[in-house]
Amino acid sequence: MACPPVSQLSSFELLGLGECGWGDTLLLGLGNSILIALGAYALGFGIGVAGAFGKLYGGPVTKDLAAVYTTLVRAVPELVLILILYYAVPGLVNEVLVAMGRETIVLPQFLTGVVVLAFVQGAYQTEVLRGAILAVPHGQIEAARAMGMSPFLVARRIIFPLMTANAVPGLGNLWLNATKDTALLAVIGFAELTKATYQASATTKAFFTFYPAAMALYLVISLVSIYGFGRIEKWARRGQRDVRG
């Protein structure tokens, strides 16, 4: 059965699933946003751990490189970084490949989006984790070293358990930023939630239907995330004295 003209469809019908609605497109965009955010956040966490320990315990060169990385990423707008990493870096790589007589490459959009956002996330997570490590009582670290623990064992048994509670609030905020930063990938044509919303509203001209719907979906992600990180923080602070007023 053919769909009626868009002007004759209600907002609920436009947001519905199936041939006449755009609900499938929005949900697919939502799924892509969540997958990109998860991948970027996880990869960014790995970069953040390495960066934090590098800035605190690395040699002079490691500390300087980490400082340049975090300062540069935090100073430049994220949209500019995304455009540079998505267009300029692959373009430079392809120029080198052509000069070497090899074929050019086309990077997958999804993988590129994850790596780009992870590069941004890593800088901010480096500073959050560095601050959390500095909050660990130094006496406990020195006591562990005096007992003959290796650096890895000190990190696993002392630093990581004690820093977790201090890091969770900041990491929670960065996760929320990651879910919203996926919207920036719309400028490179990736079909995440904001891009899907734009396509639906531009096609139907029902802007006041689709953009509030997208806002509601982002709000649901945020509320669920806030609850989840709240539970993680409560678990991380188990056994600690509550010093809050």
C-alpha atoms as a PDB file:
ATOM      1  CA  MET A   1       0.000   0.000   0.000  1.00  0.00           C
ATOM      2  CA  ALA A   2       1.353   3.395  -1.025  1.00  0.00           C
ATOM      3  CA  CYS A   3       2.040   5.943   1.672  1.00  0.00           C
ATOM      4  CA  PRO A   4      -0.094   9.111   1.724  1.00  0.00           C
ATOM      5  CA  PRO A   5       1.581  12.485   1.107  1.00  0.00           C
ATOM      6  CA  VAL A   6       3.822  13.636   3.929  1.00  0.00           C
ATOM      7  CA  SER A   7       1.561  16.604   4.619  1.00  0.00           C
ATOM      8  CA  GLN A   8      -1.241  14.188   5.532  1.00  0.00           C
ATOM      9  CA  LEU A   9       0.801  12.181   8.043  1.00  0.00           C
ATOM     10  CA  SER A  10       0.692  12.957  11.742  1.00  0.00           C
ATOM     11  CA  SER A  11       3.808  13.316  13.861  1.00  0.00           C
ATOM     12  CA  PHE A  12       3.261   9.848  15.316  1.00  0.00           C
ATOM     13  CA  GLU A  13       3.014   8.374  11.824  1.00  0.00           C
ATOM     14  CA  LEU A  14       6.173  10.166  10.715  1.00  0.00           C
ATOM     15  CA  LEU A  15       8.024   8.774  13.733  1.00  0.00           C
ATOM     16  CA  GLY A  16       6.579   5.297  13.271  1.00  0.00           C
ATOM     17  CA  LEU A  17       8.358   2.200  12.052  1.00  0.00           C
ATOM     18  CA  GLY A  18       7.796   0.832   8.580  1.00  0.00           C
ATOM     19  CA  GLU A  19       7.570   2.183   5.064  1.00  0.00           C
ATOM     20  CA  CYS A  20       5.777   5.438   5.816  1.00  0.00           C
ATOM     21  CA  GLY A  21       7.654   6.404   8.958  1.00  0.00           C
ATOM     22  CA  TRP A  22      11.211   7.438   9.712  1.00  0.00           C
ATOM     23  CA  GLY A  23      11.498   5.645  13.042  1.00  0.00           C
ATOM     24  CA  ASP A  24      13.740   2.960  11.552  1.00  0.00           C
ATOM     25  CA  THR A  25      16.157   5.597  10.252  1.00  0.00           C
ATOM     26  CA  LEU A  26      16.313   7.398  13.607  1.00  0.00           C
ATOM     27  CA  LEU A  27      16.862   4.171  15.550  1.00  0.00           C
ATOM     28  CA  LEU A  28      19.603   3.095  13.143  1.00  0.00           C
ATOM     29  CA  GLY A  29      21.263   6.477  13.625  1.00  0.00           C
ATOM     30  CA  LEU A  30      20.909   6.113  17.386  1.00  0.00           C
ATOM     31  CA  GLY A  31      22.553   2.688  17.255  1.00  0.00           C
ATOM     32  CA  ASN A  32      25.428   4.061  15.183  1.00  0.00           C
ATOM     33  CA  SER A  33      25.905   6.927  17.650  1.00  0.00           C
ATOM     34  CA  ILE A  34      26.065   4.558  20.615  1.00  0.00           C
ATOM     35  CA  LEU A  35      28.482   2.186  18.856  1.00  0.00           C
ATOM     36  CA  ILE A  36      30.811   5.021  17.862  1.00  0.00           C
ATOM     37  CA  ALA A  37      30.673   6.517  21.364  1.00  0.00           C
ATOM     38  CA  LEU A  38      31.446   3.141  22.956  1.00  0.00           C
ATOM     39  CA  GLY A  39      34.360   2.452  20.626  1.00  0.00           C
ATOM     40  CA  ALA A  40      35.812   5.961  20.972  1.00  0.00           C
ATOM     41  CA  TYR A  41      35.376   5.967  24.747  1.00  0.00           C
ATOM     42  CA  ALA A  42      37.042   2.572  25.204  1.00  0.00           C
ATOM     43  CA  LEU A  43      39.962   3.418  22.900  1.00  0.00           C
ATOM     44  CA  GLY A  44      40.217   6.863  24.482  1.00  0.00           C
ATOM     45  CA  PHE A  45      40.395   5.262  27.926  1.00  0.00           C
ATOM     46  CA  GLY A  46      43.393   3.204  26.839  1.00  0.00           C
ATOM     47  CA  ILE A  47      45.056   6.345  25.497  1.00  0.00           C
ATOM     48  CA  GLY A  48      44.150   8.184  28.702  1.00  0.00           C
ATOM     49  CA  VAL A  49      45.705   5.546  30.966  1.00  0.00           C
ATOM     50  CA  ALA A  50      48.910   5.562  28.925  1.00  0.00           C
ATOM     51  CA  GLY A  51      48.948   9.358  28.793  1.00  0.00           C
ATOM     52  CA  ALA A  52      48.323   9.795  32.525  1.00  0.00           C
ATOM     53  CA  PHE A  53      51.059   7.391  33.562  1.00  0.00           C
ATOM     54  CA  GLY A  54      53.348   8.868  30.912  1.00  0.00           C
ATOM     55  CA  LYS A  55      52.881  12.409  32.231  1.00  0.00           C
ATOM     56  CA  LEU A  56      53.428  11.316  35.825  1.00  0.00           C
ATOM     57  CA  TYR A  57      56.065   8.600  35.615  1.00  0.00           C
ATOM     58  CA  GLY A  58      57.549   8.793  32.119  1.00  0.00           C
ATOM     59  CA  GLY A  59      60.864  10.196  31.059  1.00  0.00           C
ATOM     60  CA  PRO A  60      61.382  13.790  29.903  1.00  0.00           C
ATOM     61  CA  VAL A  61      60.546  13.018  26.258  1.00  0.00           C
ATOM     62  CA  THR A  62      57.418  11.038  27.180  1.00  0.00           C
ATOM     63  CA  LYS A  63      56.210  13.817  29.478  1.00  0.00           C
ATOM     64  CA  ASP A  64      56.781  16.471  26.832  1.00  0.00           C
ATOM     65  CA  LEU A  65      54.989  14.480  24.109  1.00  0.00           C
ATOM     66  CA  ALA A  66      52.022  13.818  26.393  1.00  0.00           C
ATOM     67  CA  ALA A  67      51.878  17.490  27.373  1.00  0.00           C
ATOM     68  CA  VAL A  68      51.912  18.614  23.734  1.00  0.00           C
ATOM     69  CA  TYR A  69      49.188  16.102  22.849  1.00  0.00           C
ATOM     70  CA  THR A  70      46.802  17.085  25.650  1.00  0.00           C
ATOM     71  CA  THR A  71      47.408  20.811  25.208  1.00  0.00           C
ATOM     72  CA  LEU A  72      46.895  20.721  21.437  1.00  0.00           C
ATOM     73  CA  VAL A  73      43.707  18.655  21.557  1.00  0.00           C
ATOM     74  CA  ARG A  74      42.155  20.731  24.323  1.00  0.00           C
ATOM     75  CA  ALA A  75      43.077  24.004  22.599  1.00  0.00           C
ATOM     76  CA  VAL A  76      41.693  23.241  19.136  1.00  0.00           C
ATOM     77  CA  PRO A  77      37.903  22.961  18.559  1.00  0.00           C
ATOM     78  CA  GLU A  78      36.814  19.351  18.210  1.00  0.00           C
ATOM     79  CA  LEU A  79      35.140  19.993  14.854  1.00  0.00           C
ATOM     80  CA  VAL A  80      38.428  21.299  13.427  1.00  0.00           C
ATOM     81  CA  LEU A  81      40.264  18.229  14.743  1.00  0.00           C
ATOM     82  CA  ILE A  82      37.683  15.923  13.176  1.00  0.00           C
ATOM     83  CA  LEU A  83      38.027  17.631   9.785  1.00  0.00           C
ATOM     84  CA  ILE A  84      41.839  17.521   9.976  1.00  0.00           C
ATOM     85  CA  LEU A  85      41.982  13.875  11.031  1.00  0.00           C
ATOM     86  CA  TYR A  86      39.304  12.754   8.581  1.00  0.00           C
ATOM     87  CA  TYR A  87      40.405  14.674   5.485  1.00  0.00           C
ATOM     88  CA  ALA A  88      43.955  15.981   5.914  1.00  0.00           C
ATOM     89  CA  VAL A  89      45.660  12.948   7.466  1.00  0.00           C
ATOM     90  CA  PRO A  90      44.283  10.347   4.983  1.00  0.00           C
ATOM     91  CA  GLY A  91      45.053  12.786   2.153  1.00  0.00           C
ATOM     92  CA  LEU A  92      48.664  13.051   3.299  1.00  0.00           C
ATOM     93  CA  VAL A  93      48.921   9.261   3.608  1.00  0.00           C
ATOM     94  CA  ASN A  94      47.555   8.819   0.070  1.00  0.00           C
ATOM     95  CA  GLU A  95      50.043  11.363  -1.316  1.00  0.00           C
ATOM     96  CA  VAL A  96      52.860   9.364   0.229  1.00  0.00           C
ATOM     97  CA  LEU A  97      51.431   6.122  -1.197  1.00  0.00           C
ATOM     98  CA  VAL A  98      51.130   7.649  -4.680  1.00  0.00           C
ATOM     99  CA  ALA A  99      54.726   8.891  -4.473  1.00  0.00           C
ATOM    100  CA  MET A 100      55.768   5.343  -3.601  1.00  0.00           C
ATOM    101  CA  GLY A 101      53.837   3.991  -6.582  1.00  0.00           C
ATOM    102  CA  ARG A 102      51.180   2.284  -4.518  1.00  0.00           C
ATOM    103  CA  GLU A 103      47.385   2.457  -4.596  1.00  0.00           C
ATOM    104  CA  THR A 104      45.526   4.953  -2.459  1.00  0.00           C
ATOM    105  CA  ILE A 105      43.370   3.813   0.449  1.00  0.00           C
ATOM    106  CA  VAL A 106      39.834   4.685   1.512  1.00  0.00           C
ATOM    107  CA  LEU A 107      39.341   4.551   5.252  1.00  0.00           C
ATOM    108  CA  PRO A 108      36.044   3.071   6.538  1.00  0.00           C
ATOM    109  CA  GLN A 109      33.797   5.831   7.876  1.00  0.00           C
ATOM    110  CA  PHE A 110      32.863   3.970  11.053  1.00  0.00           C
ATOM    111  CA  LEU A 111      36.436   3.074  11.988  1.00  0.00           C
ATOM    112  CA  THR A 112      37.647   6.566  11.152  1.00  0.00           C
ATOM    113  CA  GLY A 113      34.925   8.131  13.277  1.00  0.00           C
ATOM    114  CA  VAL A 114      35.860   5.951  16.245  1.00  0.00           C
ATOM    115  CA  VAL A 115      39.580   6.745  15.937  1.00  0.00           C
ATOM    116  CA  VAL A 116      38.979  10.480  15.505  1.00  0.00           C
ATOM    117  CA  LEU A 117      36.769  10.772  18.579  1.00  0.00           C
ATOM    118  CA  ALA A 118      39.084   8.478  20.563  1.00  0.00           C
ATOM    119  CA  PHE A 119      41.972  10.834  19.795  1.00  0.00           C
ATOM    120  CA  VAL A 120      39.945  13.679  21.316  1.00  0.00           C
ATOM    121  CA  GLN A 121      38.683  11.591  24.236  1.00  0.00           C
ATOM    122  CA  GLY A 122      42.183  10.370  25.061  1.00  0.00           C
ATOM    123  CA  ALA A 123      43.448  13.882  25.779  1.00  0.00           C
ATOM    124  CA  TYR A 124      40.658  14.697  28.214  1.00  0.00           C
ATOM    125  CA  GLN A 125      40.755  11.283  29.875  1.00  0.00           C
ATOM    126  CA  THR A 126      44.508  11.695  30.345  1.00  0.00           C
ATOM    127  CA  GLU A 127      43.925  14.754  32.519  1.00  0.00           C
ATOM    128  CA  VAL A 128      41.016  13.203  34.443  1.00  0.00           C
ATOM    129  CA  LEU A 129      43.028  10.073  35.230  1.00  0.00           C
ATOM    130  CA  ARG A 130      46.155  12.080  36.048  1.00  0.00           C
ATOM    131  CA  GLY A 131      44.205  14.086  38.599  1.00  0.00           C
ATOM    132  CA  ALA A 132      42.710  10.917  40.065  1.00  0.00           C
ATOM    133  CA  ILE A 133      46.160   9.339  40.420  1.00  0.00           C
ATOM    134  CA  LEU A 134      47.512  12.455  42.129  1.00  0.00           C
ATOM    135  CA  ALA A 135      44.643  12.198  44.629  1.00  0.00           C
ATOM    136  CA  VAL A 136      45.866   8.765  45.779  1.00  0.00           C
ATOM    137  CA  PRO A 137      47.674   9.149  49.154  1.00  0.00           C
ATOM    138  CA  HIS A 138      51.374   9.066  48.357  1.00  0.00           C
ATOM    139  CA  GLY A 139      52.140   7.301  51.629  1.00  0.00           C
ATOM    140  CA  GLN A 140      50.262   4.192  50.502  1.00  0.00           C
ATOM    141  CA  ILE A 141      52.251   4.081  47.269  1.00  0.00           C
ATOM    142  CA  GLU A 142      55.529   4.441  49.161  1.00  0.00           C
ATOM    143  CA  ALA A 143      54.468   1.722  51.612  1.00  0.00           C
ATOM    144  CA  ALA A 144      53.733  -0.651  48.721  1.00  0.00           C
ATOM    145  CA  ARG A 145      57.119   0.060  47.177  1.00  0.00           C
ATOM    146  CA  ALA A 146      58.798  -0.476  50.551  1.00  0.00           C
ATOM    147  CA  MET A 147      57.180  -3.924  50.675  1.00  0.00           C
ATOM    148  CA  GLY A 148      58.919  -4.793  47.418  1.00  0.00           C
ATOM    149  CA  MET A 149      55.931  -4.530  45.047  1.00  0.00           C
ATOM    150  CA  SER A 150      56.753  -4.074  41.390  1.00  0.00           C
ATOM    151  CA  PRO A 151      55.429  -0.939  39.608  1.00  0.00           C
ATOM    152  CA  PHE A 152      52.767  -3.052  37.895  1.00  0.00           C
ATOM    153  CA  LEU A 153      51.650  -4.548  41.204  1.00  0.00           C
ATOM    154  CA  VAL A 154      51.553  -1.111  42.839  1.00  0.00           C
ATOM    155  CA  ALA A 155      49.358   0.145  40.002  1.00  0.00           C
ATOM    156  CA  ARG A 156      47.016  -2.867  40.130  1.00  0.00           C
ATOM    157  CA  ARG A 157      46.631  -3.170  43.902  1.00  0.00           C
ATOM    158  CA  ILE A 158      47.037   0.410  45.131  1.00  0.00           C
ATOM    159  CA  ILE A 159      46.686   3.081  42.462  1.00  0.00           C
ATOM    160  CA  PHE A 160      43.836   1.729  40.339  1.00  0.00           C
ATOM    161  CA  PRO A 161      41.488   0.781  43.223  1.00  0.00           C
ATOM    162  CA  LEU A 162      42.003   4.116  45.025  1.00  0.00           C
ATOM    163  CA  MET A 163      41.873   6.330  41.956  1.00  0.00           C
ATOM    164  CA  THR A 164      38.678   4.804  40.559  1.00  0.00           C
ATOM    165  CA  ALA A 165      36.278   6.624  42.882  1.00  0.00           C
ATOM    166  CA  ASN A 166      37.926   9.962  42.107  1.00  0.00           C
ATOM    167  CA  ALA A 167      37.977   9.340  38.361  1.00  0.00           C
ATOM    168  CA  VAL A 168      34.399   8.093  37.861  1.00  0.00           C
ATOM    169  CA  PRO A 169      32.617  11.507  37.958  1.00  0.00           C
ATOM    170  CA  GLY A 170      34.997  13.002  35.401  1.00  0.00           C
ATOM    171  CA  LEU A 171      34.915   9.896  33.218  1.00  0.00           C
ATOM    172  CA  GLY A 172      31.122   9.965  33.377  1.00  0.00           C
ATOM    173  CA  ASN A 173      31.098  13.521  32.039  1.00  0.00           C
ATOM    174  CA  LEU A 174      33.459  12.519  29.248  1.00  0.00           C
ATOM    175  CA  TRP A 175      31.157   9.639  28.290  1.00  0.00           C
ATOM    176  CA  LEU A 176      28.281  12.109  27.967  1.00  0.00           C
ATOM    177  CA  ASN A 177      30.547  14.282  25.811  1.00  0.00           C
ATOM    178  CA  ALA A 178      31.367  11.260  23.657  1.00  0.00           C
ATOM    179  CA  THR A 179      27.681  10.553  22.993  1.00  0.00           C
ATOM    180  CA  LYS A 180      27.127  14.177  21.966  1.00  0.00           C
ATOM    181  CA  ASP A 181      30.353  14.494  19.993  1.00  0.00           C
ATOM    182  CA  THR A 182      29.116  11.791  17.625  1.00  0.00           C
ATOM    183  CA  ALA A 183      26.846  14.504  16.224  1.00  0.00           C
ATOM    184  CA  LEU A 184      29.958  16.253  14.868  1.00  0.00           C
ATOM    185  CA  LEU A 185      30.520  13.300  12.545  1.00  0.00           C
ATOM    186  CA  ALA A 186      27.485  14.466  10.565  1.00  0.00           C
ATOM    187  CA  VAL A 187      29.786  16.957   8.824  1.00  0.00           C
ATOM    188  CA  ILE A 188      31.719  14.065   7.261  1.00  0.00           C
ATOM    189  CA  GLY A 189      28.506  12.348   6.195  1.00  0.00           C
ATOM    190  CA  PHE A 190      28.333   9.551   8.744  1.00  0.00           C
ATOM    191  CA  ALA A 191      24.774   8.329   9.374  1.00  0.00           C
ATOM    192  CA  GLU A 192      24.580   8.858  13.136  1.00  0.00           C
ATOM    193  CA  LEU A 193      21.512  10.212  14.942  1.00  0.00           C
ATOM    194  CA  THR A 194      21.950  13.892  14.048  1.00  0.00           C
ATOM    195  CA  LYS A 195      22.573  13.099  10.384  1.00  0.00           C
ATOM    196  CA  ALA A 196      19.546  10.779  10.293  1.00  0.00           C
ATOM    197  CA  THR A 197      17.423  13.480  11.940  1.00  0.00           C
ATOM    198  CA  TYR A 198      18.542  16.034   9.372  1.00  0.00           C
ATOM    199  CA  GLN A 199      17.729  13.680   6.494  1.00  0.00           C
ATOM    200  CA  ALA A 200      14.264  12.944   7.872  1.00  0.00           C
ATOM    201  CA  SER A 201      13.399  16.570   8.607  1.00  0.00           C
ATOM    202  CA  ALA A 202      14.826  17.869   5.312  1.00  0.00           C
ATOM    203  CA  THR A 203      12.806  15.319   3.349  1.00  0.00           C
ATOM    204  CA  THR A 204       9.508  15.799   5.186  1.00  0.00           C
ATOM    205  CA  LYS A 205       9.954  19.443   6.312  1.00  0.00           C
ATOM    206  CA  ALA A 206       8.672  18.281   9.715  1.00  0.00           C
ATOM    207  CA  PHE A 207      11.481  19.945  11.662  1.00  0.00           C
ATOM    208  CA  PHE A 208       9.439  20.340  14.838  1.00  0.00           C
ATOM    209  CA  THR A 209       8.718  16.614  14.806  1.00  0.00           C
ATOM    210  CA  PHE A 210      12.140  15.096  14.273  1.00  0.00           C
ATOM    211  CA  TYR A 211      14.478  17.436  16.155  1.00  0.00           C
ATOM    212  CA  PRO A 212      12.515  17.211  19.433  1.00  0.00           C
ATOM    213  CA  ALA A 213      12.471  13.428  18.930  1.00  0.00           C
ATOM    214  CA  ALA A 214      16.254  13.405  18.532  1.00  0.00           C
ATOM    215  CA  MET A 215      16.592  15.605  21.606  1.00  0.00           C
ATOM    216  CA  ALA A 216      14.479  13.104  23.566  1.00  0.00           C
ATOM    217  CA  LEU A 217      16.690  10.210  22.432  1.00  0.00           C
ATOM    218  CA  TYR A 218      19.853  12.037  23.491  1.00  0.00           C
ATOM    219  CA  LEU A 219      18.193  12.827  26.832  1.00  0.00           C
ATOM    220  CA  VAL A 220      17.364   9.152  27.383  1.00  0.00           C
ATOM    221  CA  ILE A 221      21.006   8.212  26.720  1.00  0.00           C
ATOM    222  CA  SER A 222      22.137  10.874  29.205  1.00  0.00           C
ATOM    223  CA  LEU A 223      19.720   9.826  31.960  1.00  0.00           C
ATOM    224  CA  VAL A 224      20.617   6.149  31.644  1.00  0.00           C
ATOM    225  CA  SER A 225      24.332   7.031  31.601  1.00  0.00           C
ATOM    226  CA  ILE A 226      24.054   9.284  34.670  1.00  0.00           C
ATOM    227  CA  TYR A 227      22.301   6.512  36.574  1.00  0.00           C
ATOM    228  CA  GLY A 228      24.877   3.939  35.487  1.00  0.00           C
ATOM    229  CA  PHE A 229      27.901   6.018  36.425  1.00  0.00           C
ATOM    230  CA  GLY A 230      26.228   6.902  39.716  1.00  0.00           C
ATOM    231  CA  ARG A 231      26.011   3.198  40.519  1.00  0.00           C
ATOM    232  CA  ILE A 232      29.633   2.683  39.498  1.00  0.00           C
ATOM    233  CA  GLU A 233      30.772   5.536  41.728  1.00  0.00           C
ATOM    234  CA  LYS A 234      28.777   4.148  44.643  1.00  0.00           C
ATOM    235  CA  TRP A 235      30.437   0.759  44.121  1.00  0.00           C
ATOM    236  CA  ALA A 236      33.896   2.362  43.840  1.00  0.00           C
ATOM    237  CA  ARG A 237      33.404   4.261  47.116  1.00  0.00           C
ATOM    238  CA  ARG A 238      32.276   1.231  49.096  1.00  0.00           C
ATOM    239  CA  GLY A 239      34.027   1.131  52.454  1.00  0.00           C
ATOM    240  CA  GLN A 240      35.054   4.787  52.240  1.00  0.00           C
ATOM    241  CA  ARG A 241      33.831   7.324  54.769  1.00  0.00           C
ATOM    242  CA  ASP A 242      31.250   9.707  53.323  1.00  0.00           C
ATOM    243  CA  VAL A 243      32.688  13.198  53.819  1.00  0.00           C
ATOM    244  CA  ARG A 244      29.979  15.012  51.873  1.00  0.00           C
ATOM    245  CA  GLY A 245      27.806  17.445  53.742  1.00  0.00           C
END
